[in-house]
PDB file of N, CA and C in Angstrom:
ATOM      1  N   UNK A   1     150.196  28.843 100.979  1.00  0.00           N
ATOM      2  CA  UNK A   1     150.931  29.999 101.457  1.00  0.00           C
ATOM      3  C   UNK A   1     151.554  30.755 100.285  1.00  0.00           C
ATOM      4  N   UNK A   2     152.089  30.028  99.315  1.00  0.00           N
ATOM      5  CA  UNK A   2     152.707  30.676  98.158  1.00  0.00           C
ATOM      6  C   UNK A   2     151.666  31.451  97.351  1.00  0.00           C
ATOM      7  N   UNK A   3     150.466  30.916  97.277  1.00  0.00           N
ATOM      8  CA  UNK A   3     149.392  31.604  96.559  1.00  0.00           C
ATOM      9  C   UNK A   3     149.019  32.908  97.254  1.00  0.00           C
ATOM     10  N   UNK A   4     148.986  32.907  98.574  1.00  0.00           N
ATOM     11  CA  UNK A   4     148.680  34.103  99.341  1.00  0.00           C
ATOM     12  C   UNK A   4     149.755  35.169  99.131  1.00  0.00           C
ATOM     13  N   UNK A   5     151.001  34.771  99.151  1.00  0.00           N
ATOM     14  CA  UNK A   5     152.111  35.708  98.933  1.00  0.00           C
ATOM     15  C   UNK A   5     152.029  36.295  97.531  1.00  0.00           C
ATOM     16  N   UNK A   6     151.730  35.467  96.544  1.00  0.00           N
ATOM     17  CA  UNK A   6     151.590  35.934  95.162  1.00  0.00           C
ATOM     18  C   UNK A   6     150.428  36.913  95.041  1.00  0.00           C
ATOM     19  N   UNK A   7     149.317  36.618  95.680  1.00  0.00           N
ATOM     20  CA  UNK A   7     148.152  37.498  95.630  1.00  0.00           C
ATOM     21  C   UNK A   7     148.452  38.839  96.299  1.00  0.00           C
ATOM     22  N   UNK A   8     149.111  38.807  97.444  1.00  0.00           N
ATOM     23  CA  UNK A   8     149.477  40.051  98.124  1.00  0.00           C
ATOM     24  C   UNK A   8     150.466  40.876  97.298  1.00  0.00           C
ATOM     25  N   UNK A   9     151.403  40.212  96.657  1.00  0.00           N
ATOM     26  CA  UNK A   9     152.361  40.919  95.799  1.00  0.00           C
ATOM     27  C   UNK A   9     151.639  41.579  94.624  1.00  0.00           C
ATOM     28  N   UNK A  10     150.683  40.879  94.043  1.00  0.00           N
ATOM     29  CA  UNK A  10     149.918  41.426  92.923  1.00  0.00           C
ATOM     30  C   UNK A  10     149.092  42.630  93.368  1.00  0.00           C
ATOM     31  N   UNK A  11     148.430  42.518  94.513  1.00  0.00           N
ATOM     32  CA  UNK A  11     147.630  43.626  95.041  1.00  0.00           C
ATOM     33  C   UNK A  11     148.528  44.828  95.344  1.00  0.00           C
ATOM     34  N   UNK A  12     149.668  44.596  95.938  1.00  0.00           N
ATOM     35  CA  UNK A  12     150.603  45.682  96.245  1.00  0.00           C
ATOM     36  C   UNK A  12     151.073  46.378  94.976  1.00  0.00           C
ATOM     37  N   UNK A  13     151.341  45.609  93.940  1.00  0.00           N
ATOM     38  CA  UNK A  13     151.784  46.176  92.664  1.00  0.00           C
ATOM     39  C   UNK A  13     150.693  47.043  92.051  1.00  0.00           C
ATOM     40  N   UNK A  14     149.472  46.552  92.044  1.00  0.00           N
ATOM     41  CA  UNK A  14     148.347  47.316  91.487  1.00  0.00           C
ATOM     42  C   UNK A  14     148.154  48.609  92.273  1.00  0.00           C
ATOM     43  N   UNK A  15     148.164  48.533  93.591  1.00  0.00           N
ATOM     44  CA  UNK A  15     147.994  49.735  94.413  1.00  0.00           C
ATOM     45  C   UNK A  15     149.129  50.728  94.203  1.00  0.00           C
ATOM     46  N   UNK A  16     150.348  50.241  93.996  1.00  0.00           N
ATOM     47  CA  UNK A  16     151.486  51.120  93.754  1.00  0.00           C
ATOM     48  C   UNK A  16     151.327  51.867  92.437  1.00  0.00           C
ATOM     49  N   UNK A  17     150.867  51.176  91.385  1.00  0.00           N
ATOM     50  CA  UNK A  17     150.757  51.791  90.065  1.00  0.00           C
ATOM     51  C   UNK A  17     149.401  52.452  89.804  1.00  0.00           C
ATOM     52  N   UNK A  18     148.452  52.364  90.723  1.00  0.00           N
ATOM     53  CA  UNK A  18     147.128  52.937  90.513  1.00  0.00           C
ATOM     54  C   UNK A  18     147.156  54.433  90.199  1.00  0.00           C
ATOM     55  N   UNK A  19     147.947  55.251  90.916  1.00  0.00           N
ATOM     56  CA  UNK A  19     147.989  56.669  90.546  1.00  0.00           C
ATOM     57  C   UNK A  19     148.498  56.896  89.119  1.00  0.00           C
ATOM     58  N   UNK A  20     149.465  56.112  88.685  1.00  0.00           N
ATOM     59  CA  UNK A  20     149.983  56.234  87.326  1.00  0.00           C
ATOM     60  C   UNK A  20     148.923  55.824  86.319  1.00  0.00           C
ATOM     61  N   UNK A  21     148.238  54.730  86.577  1.00  0.00           N
ATOM     62  CA  UNK A  21     147.188  54.265  85.670  1.00  0.00           C
ATOM     63  C   UNK A  21     146.034  55.257  85.621  1.00  0.00           C
ATOM     64  N   UNK A  22     145.675  55.839  86.760  1.00  0.00           N
ATOM     65  CA  UNK A  22     144.594  56.824  86.778  1.00  0.00           C
ATOM     66  C   UNK A  22     144.963  58.038  85.948  1.00  0.00           C
ATOM     67  N   UNK A  23     146.217  58.472  86.062  1.00  0.00           N
ATOM     68  CA  UNK A  23     146.660  59.630  85.274  1.00  0.00           C
ATOM     69  C   UNK A  23     146.692  59.278  83.798  1.00  0.00           C
ATOM     70  N   UNK A  24     147.234  58.143  83.467  1.00  0.00           N
ATOM     71  CA  UNK A  24     147.401  57.741  82.074  1.00  0.00           C
ATOM     72  C   UNK A  24     146.081  57.417  81.403  1.00  0.00           C
ATOM     73  N   UNK A  25     145.174  56.803  82.119  1.00  0.00           N
ATOM     74  CA  UNK A  25     143.925  56.345  81.527  1.00  0.00           C
ATOM     75  C   UNK A  25     142.703  57.044  82.115  1.00  0.00           C
ATOM     76  N   UNK A  26     142.909  58.141  82.823  1.00  0.00           N
ATOM     77  CA  UNK A  26     141.822  58.904  83.413  1.00  0.00           C
ATOM     78  C   UNK A  26     141.213  59.861  82.401  1.00  0.00           C
ATOM     79  N   UNK A  27     140.598  60.937  82.882  1.00  0.00           N
ATOM     80  CA  UNK A  27     139.947  61.901  81.995  1.00  0.00           C
ATOM     81  C   UNK A  27     140.916  62.457  80.953  1.00  0.00           C
ATOM     82  N   UNK A  28     140.401  62.647  79.739  1.00  0.00           N
ATOM     83  CA  UNK A  28     141.241  63.209  78.678  1.00  0.00           C
ATOM     84  C   UNK A  28     140.382  63.976  77.690  1.00  0.00           C
ATOM     85  N   UNK A  29     141.019  64.890  76.992  1.00  0.00           N
ATOM     86  CA  UNK A  29     140.352  65.646  75.954  1.00  0.00           C
ATOM     87  C   UNK A  29     141.366  65.862  74.837  1.00  0.00           C
ATOM     88  N   UNK A  30     141.126  65.236  73.695  1.00  0.00           N
ATOM     89  CA  UNK A  30     141.998  65.452  72.539  1.00  0.00           C
ATOM     90  C   UNK A  30     141.338  66.497  71.649  1.00  0.00           C
ATOM     91  N   UNK A  31     142.151  67.332  71.029  1.00  0.00           N
ATOM     92  CA  UNK A  31     141.650  68.452  70.248  1.00  0.00           C
ATOM     93  C   UNK A  31     142.511  68.602  69.008  1.00  0.00           C
ATOM     94  N   UNK A  32     141.874  68.886  67.864  1.00  0.00           N
ATOM     95  CA  UNK A  32     142.633  69.062  66.626  1.00  0.00           C
ATOM     96  C   UNK A  32     141.883  69.966  65.657  1.00  0.00           C
ATOM     97  N   UNK A  33     142.620  70.448  64.663  1.00  0.00           N
ATOM     98  CA  UNK A  33     142.031  71.192  63.552  1.00  0.00           C
ATOM     99  C   UNK A  33     142.268  70.382  62.284  1.00  0.00           C
ATOM    100  N   UNK A  34     141.497  70.677  61.237  1.00  0.00           N
ATOM    101  CA  UNK A  34     141.637  69.928  59.985  1.00  0.00           C
ATOM    102  C   UNK A  34     143.002  70.149  59.342  1.00  0.00           C
ATOM    103  N   UNK A  35     143.509  71.376  59.444  1.00  0.00           N
ATOM    104  CA  UNK A  35     144.788  71.717  58.820  1.00  0.00           C
ATOM    105  C   UNK A  35     145.683  72.405  59.843  1.00  0.00           C
ATOM    106  N   UNK A  36     146.958  72.442  59.548  1.00  0.00           N
ATOM    107  CA  UNK A  36     147.913  73.134  60.409  1.00  0.00           C
ATOM    108  C   UNK A  36     148.008  74.613  60.052  1.00  0.00           C
ATOM    109  N   UNK A  37     147.638  74.957  58.816  1.00  0.00           N
ATOM    110  CA  UNK A  37     147.754  76.344  58.362  1.00  0.00           C
ATOM    111  C   UNK A  37     146.512  76.754  57.574  1.00  0.00           C
ATOM    112  N   UNK A  38     146.067  77.975  57.802  1.00  0.00           N
ATOM    113  CA  UNK A  38     144.887  78.514  57.148  1.00  0.00           C
ATOM    114  C   UNK A  38     145.208  79.874  56.544  1.00  0.00           C
ATOM    115  N   UNK A  39     144.363  80.285  55.606  1.00  0.00           N
ATOM    116  CA  UNK A  39     144.456  81.618  55.038  1.00  0.00           C
ATOM    117  C   UNK A  39     143.310  82.476  55.541  1.00  0.00           C
ATOM    118  N   UNK A  40     143.438  83.768  55.361  1.00  0.00           N
ATOM    119  CA  UNK A  40     142.369  84.682  55.758  1.00  0.00           C
ATOM    120  C   UNK A  40     141.092  84.316  55.008  1.00  0.00           C
ATOM    121  N   UNK A  41     139.978  84.312  55.702  1.00  0.00           N
ATOM    122  CA  UNK A  41     138.693  83.952  55.107  1.00  0.00           C
ATOM    123  C   UNK A  41     138.408  82.460  55.095  1.00  0.00           C
ATOM    124  N   UNK A  42     139.378  81.628  55.502  1.00  0.00           N
ATOM    125  CA  UNK A  42     139.170  80.172  55.545  1.00  0.00           C
ATOM    126  C   UNK A  42     138.282  79.789  56.722  1.00  0.00           C
ATOM    127  N   UNK A  43     137.600  78.669  56.582  1.00  0.00           N
ATOM    128  CA  UNK A  43     136.822  78.086  57.663  1.00  0.00           C
ATOM    129  C   UNK A  43     137.731  77.152  58.460  1.00  0.00           C
ATOM    130  N   UNK A  44     137.765  77.336  59.764  1.00  0.00           N
ATOM    131  CA  UNK A  44     138.581  76.512  60.660  1.00  0.00           C
ATOM    132  C   UNK A  44     137.653  75.549  61.385  1.00  0.00           C
ATOM    133  N   UNK A  45     137.869  74.252  61.186  1.00  0.00           N
ATOM    134  CA  UNK A  45     137.071  73.242  61.884  1.00  0.00           C
ATOM    135  C   UNK A  45     137.893  72.703  63.053  1.00  0.00           C
ATOM    136  N   UNK A  46     137.279  72.733  64.228  1.00  0.00           N
ATOM    137  CA  UNK A  46     137.903  72.217  65.444  1.00  0.00           C
ATOM    138  C   UNK A  46     137.080  71.025  65.898  1.00  0.00           C
ATOM    139  N   UNK A  47     137.752  69.918  66.178  1.00  0.00           N
ATOM    140  CA  UNK A  47     137.036  68.741  66.654  1.00  0.00           C
ATOM    141  C   UNK A  47     137.831  68.061  67.747  1.00  0.00           C
ATOM    142  N   UNK A  48     137.117  67.236  68.518  1.00  0.00           N
ATOM    143  CA  UNK A  48     137.799  66.575  69.611  1.00  0.00           C
ATOM    144  C   UNK A  48     137.031  65.398  70.153  1.00  0.00           C
ATOM    145  N   UNK A  49     137.646  64.783  71.147  1.00  0.00           N
ATOM    146  CA  UNK A  49     137.085  63.617  71.819  1.00  0.00           C
ATOM    147  C   UNK A  49     137.316  63.782  73.313  1.00  0.00           C
ATOM    148  N   UNK A  50     136.241  63.739  74.081  1.00  0.00           N
ATOM    149  CA  UNK A  50     136.319  63.872  75.534  1.00  0.00           C
ATOM    150  C   UNK A  50     135.993  62.532  76.176  1.00  0.00           C
ATOM    151  N   UNK A  51     136.821  62.144  77.140  1.00  0.00           N
ATOM    152  CA  UNK A  51     136.629  60.862  77.823  1.00  0.00           C
ATOM    153  C   UNK A  51     136.728  61.050  79.329  1.00  0.00           C
ATOM    154  N   UNK A  52     135.880  60.299  80.044  1.00  0.00           N
ATOM    155  CA  UNK A  52     135.980  60.261  81.511  1.00  0.00           C
ATOM    156  C   UNK A  52     137.124  59.342  81.911  1.00  0.00           C
ATOM    157  N   UNK A  53     137.306  58.275  81.132  1.00  0.00           N
ATOM    158  CA  UNK A  53     138.384  57.316  81.356  1.00  0.00           C
ATOM    159  C   UNK A  53     138.666  56.648  80.020  1.00  0.00           C
ATOM    160  N   UNK A  54     139.618  55.747  80.012  1.00  0.00           N
ATOM    161  CA  UNK A  54     140.011  55.079  78.775  1.00  0.00           C
ATOM    162  C   UNK A  54     138.818  54.471  78.034  1.00  0.00           C
ATOM    163  N   UNK A  55     137.890  53.867  78.758  1.00  0.00           N
ATOM    164  CA  UNK A  55     136.779  53.171  78.136  1.00  0.00           C
ATOM    165  C   UNK A  55     135.432  53.884  78.260  1.00  0.00           C
ATOM    166  N   UNK A  56     135.419  55.060  78.901  1.00  0.00           N
ATOM    167  CA  UNK A  56     134.150  55.749  79.134  1.00  0.00           C
ATOM    168  C   UNK A  56     134.136  57.118  78.467  1.00  0.00           C
ATOM    169  N   UNK A  57     133.314  57.300  77.421  1.00  0.00           N
ATOM    170  CA  UNK A  57     133.220  58.618  76.790  1.00  0.00           C
ATOM    171  C   UNK A  57     132.501  59.605  77.707  1.00  0.00           C
ATOM    172  N   UNK A  58     132.815  60.866  77.540  1.00  0.00           N
ATOM    173  CA  UNK A  58     132.115  61.932  78.259  1.00  0.00           C
ATOM    174  C   UNK A  58     130.960  62.363  77.360  1.00  0.00           C
ATOM    175  N   UNK A  59     129.813  61.731  77.554  1.00  0.00           N
ATOM    176  CA  UNK A  59     128.655  61.923  76.671  1.00  0.00           C
ATOM    177  C   UNK A  59     127.741  63.041  77.156  1.00  0.00           C
ATOM    178  N   UNK A  60     127.163  63.763  76.190  1.00  0.00           N
ATOM    179  CA  UNK A  60     126.173  64.819  76.459  1.00  0.00           C
ATOM    180  C   UNK A  60     126.674  65.857  77.459  1.00  0.00           C
ATOM    181  N   UNK A  61     127.918  66.249  77.305  1.00  0.00           N
ATOM    182  CA  UNK A  61     128.528  67.224  78.212  1.00  0.00           C
ATOM    183  C   UNK A  61     128.933  68.478  77.457  1.00  0.00           C
ATOM    184  N   UNK A  62     128.826  69.642  78.084  1.00  0.00           N
ATOM    185  CA  UNK A  62     129.265  70.874  77.432  1.00  0.00           C
ATOM    186  C   UNK A  62     130.783  70.963  77.327  1.00  0.00           C
ATOM    187  N   UNK A  63     131.226  71.516  76.217  1.00  0.00           N
ATOM    188  CA  UNK A  63     132.651  71.770  75.983  1.00  0.00           C
ATOM    189  C   UNK A  63     132.780  73.254  75.641  1.00  0.00           C
ATOM    190  N   UNK A  64     133.575  73.968  76.420  1.00  0.00           N
ATOM    191  CA  UNK A  64     133.845  75.376  76.144  1.00  0.00           C
ATOM    192  C   UNK A  64     135.076  75.453  75.253  1.00  0.00           C
ATOM    193  N   UNK A  65     134.992  76.234  74.179  1.00  0.00           N
ATOM    194  CA  UNK A  65     136.092  76.349  73.223  1.00  0.00           C
ATOM    195  C   UNK A  65     136.445  77.822  73.057  1.00  0.00           C
ATOM    196  N   UNK A  66     137.735  78.101  73.080  1.00  0.00           N
ATOM    197  CA  UNK A  66     138.225  79.464  72.916  1.00  0.00           C
ATOM    198  C   UNK A  66     139.420  79.442  71.979  1.00  0.00           C
ATOM    199  N   UNK A  67     139.460  80.358  71.032  1.00  0.00           N
ATOM    200  CA  UNK A  67     140.592  80.484  70.115  1.00  0.00           C
ATOM    201  C   UNK A  67     141.252  81.827  70.387  1.00  0.00           C
ATOM    202  N   UNK A  68     142.573  81.805  70.523  1.00  0.00           N
ATOM    203  CA  UNK A  68     143.338  83.024  70.807  1.00  0.00           C
ATOM    204  C   UNK A  68     144.461  83.215  69.796  1.00  0.00           C
ATOM    205  N   UNK A  69     144.743  84.480  69.565  1.00  0.00           N
ATOM    206  CA  UNK A  69     145.926  84.882  68.805  1.00  0.00           C
ATOM    207  C   UNK A  69     146.704  85.787  69.741  1.00  0.00           C
ATOM    208  N   UNK A  70     147.765  85.260  70.318  1.00  0.00           N
ATOM    209  CA  UNK A  70     148.474  86.011  71.351  1.00  0.00           C
ATOM    210  C   UNK A  70     147.559  86.190  72.551  1.00  0.00           C
ATOM    211  N   UNK A  71     147.378  87.419  72.997  1.00  0.00           N
ATOM    212  CA  UNK A  71     146.499  87.707  74.126  1.00  0.00           C
ATOM    213  C   UNK A  71     145.058  87.993  73.688  1.00  0.00           C
ATOM    214  N   UNK A  72     144.822  88.077  72.383  1.00  0.00           N
ATOM    215  CA  UNK A  72     143.494  88.430  71.876  1.00  0.00           C
ATOM    216  C   UNK A  72     142.611  87.199  71.708  1.00  0.00           C
ATOM    217  N   UNK A  73     141.384  87.296  72.199  1.00  0.00           N
ATOM    218  CA  UNK A  73     140.396  86.236  71.982  1.00  0.00           C
ATOM    219  C   UNK A  73     139.813  86.449  70.597  1.00  0.00           C
ATOM    220  N   UNK A  74     139.928  85.430  69.754  1.00  0.00           N
ATOM    221  CA  UNK A  74     139.457  85.490  68.376  1.00  0.00           C
ATOM    222  C   UNK A  74     138.032  84.970  68.255  1.00  0.00           C
ATOM    223  N   UNK A  75     137.732  83.930  69.027  1.00  0.00           N
ATOM    224  CA  UNK A  75     136.440  83.262  68.871  1.00  0.00           C
ATOM    225  C   UNK A  75     136.154  82.410  70.098  1.00  0.00           C
ATOM    226  N   UNK A  76     134.874  82.333  70.501  1.00  0.00           N
ATOM    227  CA  UNK A  76     134.434  81.519  71.638  1.00  0.00           C
ATOM    228  C   UNK A  76     133.177  80.762  71.226  1.00  0.00           C
ATOM    229  N   UNK A  77     133.070  79.514  71.687  1.00  0.00           N
ATOM    230  CA  UNK A  77     131.882  78.716  71.404  1.00  0.00           C
ATOM    231  C   UNK A  77     131.686  77.706  72.527  1.00  0.00           C
ATOM    232  N   UNK A  78     130.490  77.158  72.602  1.00  0.00           N
ATOM    233  CA  UNK A  78     130.211  76.039  73.504  1.00  0.00           C
ATOM    234  C   UNK A  78     129.410  75.024  72.714  1.00  0.00           C
ATOM    235  N   UNK A  79     129.839  73.765  72.781  1.00  0.00           N
ATOM    236  CA  UNK A  79     129.159  72.676  72.088  1.00  0.00           C
ATOM    237  C   UNK A  79     128.899  71.558  73.089  1.00  0.00           C
ATOM    238  N   UNK A  80     128.119  70.576  72.672  1.00  0.00           N
ATOM    239  CA  UNK A  80     127.798  69.420  73.514  1.00  0.00           C
ATOM    240  C   UNK A  80     128.375  68.168  72.852  1.00  0.00           C
ATOM    241  N   UNK A  81     129.007  67.321  73.652  1.00  0.00           N
ATOM    242  CA  UNK A  81     129.539  66.070  73.112  1.00  0.00           C
ATOM    243  C   UNK A  81     128.398  65.129  72.731  1.00  0.00           C
ATOM    244  N   UNK A  82     128.660  64.270  71.741  1.00  0.00           N
ATOM    245  CA  UNK A  82     127.672  63.255  71.391  1.00  0.00           C
ATOM    246  C   UNK A  82     127.837  62.055  72.329  1.00  0.00           C
ATOM    247  N   UNK A  83     127.117  60.982  72.088  1.00  0.00           N
ATOM    248  CA  UNK A  83     127.161  59.824  73.000  1.00  0.00           C
ATOM    249  C   UNK A  83     128.526  59.142  73.023  1.00  0.00           C
ATOM    250  N   UNK A  84     129.351  59.395  71.990  1.00  0.00           N
ATOM    251  CA  UNK A  84     130.696  58.822  71.944  1.00  0.00           C
ATOM    252  C   UNK A  84     131.757  59.763  72.499  1.00  0.00           C
ATOM    253  N   UNK A  85     131.327  60.957  72.938  1.00  0.00           N
ATOM    254  CA  UNK A  85     132.274  61.931  73.467  1.00  0.00           C
ATOM    255  C   UNK A  85     132.868  62.853  72.410  1.00  0.00           C
ATOM    256  N   UNK A  86     132.445  62.689  71.155  1.00  0.00           N
ATOM    257  CA  UNK A  86     132.965  63.540  70.068  1.00  0.00           C
ATOM    258  C   UNK A  86     132.259  64.894  70.057  1.00  0.00           C
ATOM    259  N   UNK A  87     132.989  65.896  69.572  1.00  0.00           N
ATOM    260  CA  UNK A  87     132.401  67.213  69.379  1.00  0.00           C
ATOM    261  C   UNK A  87     133.132  67.907  68.232  1.00  0.00           C
ATOM    262  N   UNK A  88     132.468  68.866  67.613  1.00  0.00           N
ATOM    263  CA  UNK A  88     133.104  69.664  66.565  1.00  0.00           C
ATOM    264  C   UNK A  88     132.394  71.002  66.439  1.00  0.00           C
ATOM    265  N   UNK A  89     133.117  71.950  65.920  1.00  0.00           N
ATOM    266  CA  UNK A  89     132.593  73.280  65.673  1.00  0.00           C
ATOM    267  C   UNK A  89     133.475  73.931  64.617  1.00  0.00           C
ATOM    268  N   UNK A  90     133.041  75.037  64.070  1.00  0.00           N
ATOM    269  CA  UNK A  90     133.865  75.734  63.082  1.00  0.00           C
ATOM    270  C   UNK A  90     133.550  77.221  63.101  1.00  0.00           C
ATOM    271  N   UNK A  91     134.497  77.979  62.613  1.00  0.00           N
ATOM    272  CA  UNK A  91     134.318  79.418  62.461  1.00  0.00           C
ATOM    273  C   UNK A  91     135.134  79.859  61.252  1.00  0.00           C
ATOM    274  N   UNK A  92     134.814  81.050  60.740  1.00  0.00           N
ATOM    275  CA  UNK A  92     135.517  81.583  59.581  1.00  0.00           C
ATOM    276  C   UNK A  92     136.439  82.708  60.006  1.00  0.00           C
ATOM    277  N   UNK A  93     137.699  82.606  59.574  1.00  0.00           N
ATOM    278  CA  UNK A  93     138.664  83.667  59.855  1.00  0.00           C
ATOM    279  C   UNK A  93     138.286  84.917  59.069  1.00  0.00           C
ATOM    280  N   UNK A  94     138.377  86.059  59.699  1.00  0.00           N
ATOM    281  CA  UNK A  94     138.085  87.312  59.018  1.00  0.00           C
ATOM    282  C   UNK A  94     139.192  87.682  58.035  1.00  0.00           C
ATOM    283  N   UNK A  95     138.857  88.522  57.109  1.00  0.00           N
ATOM    284  CA  UNK A  95     139.847  88.991  56.135  1.00  0.00           C
ATOM    285  C   UNK A  95     140.938  89.828  56.802  1.00  0.00           C
ATOM    286  N   UNK A  96     140.664  90.347  57.986  1.00  0.00           N
ATOM    287  CA  UNK A  96     141.666  91.140  58.705  1.00  0.00           C
ATOM    288  C   UNK A  96     142.337  90.339  59.828  1.00  0.00           C
ATOM    289  N   UNK A  97     142.198  89.020  59.821  1.00  0.00           N
ATOM    290  CA  UNK A  97     142.834  88.173  60.840  1.00  0.00           C
ATOM    291  C   UNK A  97     144.349  88.308  60.732  1.00  0.00           C
ATOM    292  N   UNK A  98     145.013  88.607  61.841  1.00  0.00           N
ATOM    293  CA  UNK A  98     146.461  88.769  61.782  1.00  0.00           C
ATOM    294  C   UNK A  98     147.162  87.433  61.508  1.00  0.00           C
ATOM    295  N   UNK A  99     148.213  87.457  60.703  1.00  0.00           N
ATOM    296  CA  UNK A  99     148.975  86.227  60.480  1.00  0.00           C
ATOM    297  C   UNK A  99     149.719  85.827  61.756  1.00  0.00           C
ATOM    298  N   UNK A 100     150.024  84.543  61.852  1.00  0.00           N
ATOM    299  CA  UNK A 100     150.777  84.066  63.006  1.00  0.00           C
ATOM    300  C   UNK A 100     150.177  82.826  63.613  1.00  0.00           C
ATOM    301  N   UNK A 101     150.596  82.556  64.845  1.00  0.00           N
ATOM    302  CA  UNK A 101     150.181  81.351  65.560  1.00  0.00           C
ATOM    303  C   UNK A 101     148.902  81.599  66.353  1.00  0.00           C
ATOM    304  N   UNK A 102     148.005  80.630  66.315  1.00  0.00           N
ATOM    305  CA  UNK A 102     146.746  80.668  67.044  1.00  0.00           C
ATOM    306  C   UNK A 102     146.660  79.422  67.920  1.00  0.00           C
ATOM    307  N   UNK A 103     146.043  79.551  69.076  1.00  0.00           N
ATOM    308  CA  UNK A 103     145.835  78.416  69.969  1.00  0.00           C
ATOM    309  C   UNK A 103     144.345  78.217  70.188  1.00  0.00           C
ATOM    310  N   UNK A 104     143.918  76.971  70.139  1.00  0.00           N
ATOM    311  CA  UNK A 104     142.536  76.613  70.446  1.00  0.00           C
ATOM    312  C   UNK A 104     142.546  75.828  71.753  1.00  0.00           C
ATOM    313  N   UNK A 105     141.751  76.284  72.695  1.00  0.00           N
ATOM    314  CA  UNK A 105     141.623  75.649  73.998  1.00  0.00           C
ATOM    315  C   UNK A 105     140.218  75.083  74.128  1.00  0.00           C
ATOM    316  N   UNK A 106     140.099  73.935  74.762  1.00  0.00           N
ATOM    317  CA  UNK A 106     138.789  73.354  75.041  1.00  0.00           C
ATOM    318  C   UNK A 106     138.808  72.818  76.456  1.00  0.00           C
ATOM    319  N   UNK A 107     137.663  72.901  77.125  1.00  0.00           N
ATOM    320  CA  UNK A 107     137.600  72.362  78.483  1.00  0.00           C
ATOM    321  C   UNK A 107     136.216  71.797  78.771  1.00  0.00           C
ATOM    322  N   UNK A 108     136.224  70.738  79.569  1.00  0.00           N
ATOM    323  CA  UNK A 108     135.009  70.118  80.087  1.00  0.00           C
ATOM    324  C   UNK A 108     135.104  70.176  81.604  1.00  0.00           C
ATOM    325  N   UNK A 109     134.156  69.578  82.269  1.00  0.00           N
ATOM    326  CA  UNK A 109     134.192  69.576  83.738  1.00  0.00           C
ATOM    327  C   UNK A 109     135.324  68.725  84.301  1.00  0.00           C
ATOM    328  N   UNK A 110     135.931  67.857  83.451  1.00  0.00           N
ATOM    329  CA  UNK A 110     136.968  66.966  83.974  1.00  0.00           C
ATOM    330  C   UNK A 110     138.319  67.071  83.271  1.00  0.00           C
ATOM    331  N   UNK A 111     138.408  67.784  82.148  1.00  0.00           N
ATOM    332  CA  UNK A 111     139.696  67.831  81.457  1.00  0.00           C
ATOM    333  C   UNK A 111     139.775  69.044  80.517  1.00  0.00           C
ATOM    334  N   UNK A 112     140.988  69.273  80.035  1.00  0.00           N
ATOM    335  CA  UNK A 112     141.247  70.369  79.117  1.00  0.00           C
ATOM    336  C   UNK A 112     142.088  69.854  77.961  1.00  0.00           C
ATOM    337  N   UNK A 113     142.010  70.572  76.829  1.00  0.00           N
ATOM    338  CA  UNK A 113     142.809  70.231  75.666  1.00  0.00           C
ATOM    339  C   UNK A 113     143.303  71.482  74.973  1.00  0.00           C
ATOM    340  N   UNK A 114     144.338  71.327  74.174  1.00  0.00           N
ATOM    341  CA  UNK A 114     144.958  72.446  73.482  1.00  0.00           C
ATOM    342  C   UNK A 114     145.476  71.963  72.135  1.00  0.00           C
ATOM    343  N   UNK A 115     145.305  72.791  71.123  1.00  0.00           N
ATOM    344  CA  UNK A 115     145.936  72.557  69.833  1.00  0.00           C
ATOM    345  C   UNK A 115     146.280  73.917  69.242  1.00  0.00           C
ATOM    346  N   UNK A 116     147.100  73.923  68.216  1.00  0.00           N
ATOM    347  CA  UNK A 116     147.461  75.200  67.601  1.00  0.00           C
ATOM    348  C   UNK A 116     147.425  75.073  66.086  1.00  0.00           C
ATOM    349  N   UNK A 117     147.326  76.223  65.445  1.00  0.00           N
ATOM    350  CA  UNK A 117     147.388  76.312  63.995  1.00  0.00           C
ATOM    351  C   UNK A 117     147.930  77.688  63.656  1.00  0.00           C
ATOM    352  N   UNK A 118     148.233  77.894  62.404  1.00  0.00           N
ATOM    353  CA  UNK A 118     148.749  79.214  62.004  1.00  0.00           C
ATOM    354  C   UNK A 118     147.906  79.803  60.887  1.00  0.00           C
ATOM    355  N   UNK A 119     147.962  81.112  60.780  1.00  0.00           N
ATOM    356  CA  UNK A 119     147.299  81.852  59.726  1.00  0.00           C
ATOM    357  C   UNK A 119     148.395  82.533  58.911  1.00  0.00           C
ATOM    358  N   UNK A 120     148.410  82.255  57.606  1.00  0.00           N
ATOM    359  CA  UNK A 120     149.436  82.840  56.744  1.00  0.00           C
ATOM    360  C   UNK A 120     149.037  84.250  56.315  1.00  0.00           C
ATOM    361  N   UNK A 121     150.029  85.005  55.979  1.00  0.00           N
ATOM    362  CA  UNK A 121     149.795  86.406  55.557  1.00  0.00           C
ATOM    363  C   UNK A 121     149.104  86.471  54.225  1.00  0.00           C
TER     364      UNK A 121
END
């Protein structure tokens, strides 16, 4: 009887925390740039890792990438993740790129990611 009570308590605990575990270890997309700050004419490399879950990479999936400066779209690309869920792309800032903060957004069918960098004057 004590074993049954212990088993039911364990099952109840798992079911209670399942939504938290799904959120914490569910789909994710990490995104980063090589540097935090760039100059005009620099090449900006954006890379990331897409996962279906903690242990499952999002392999061979399209990733849409958009870079913005304020409300202006600076650059758009689409890449495919490798078998490990990794992806990368790069673009070159124009000589007339405005200084300030830039945001890079990425999205897959199951998650989104965001990172930022700045362009110096």
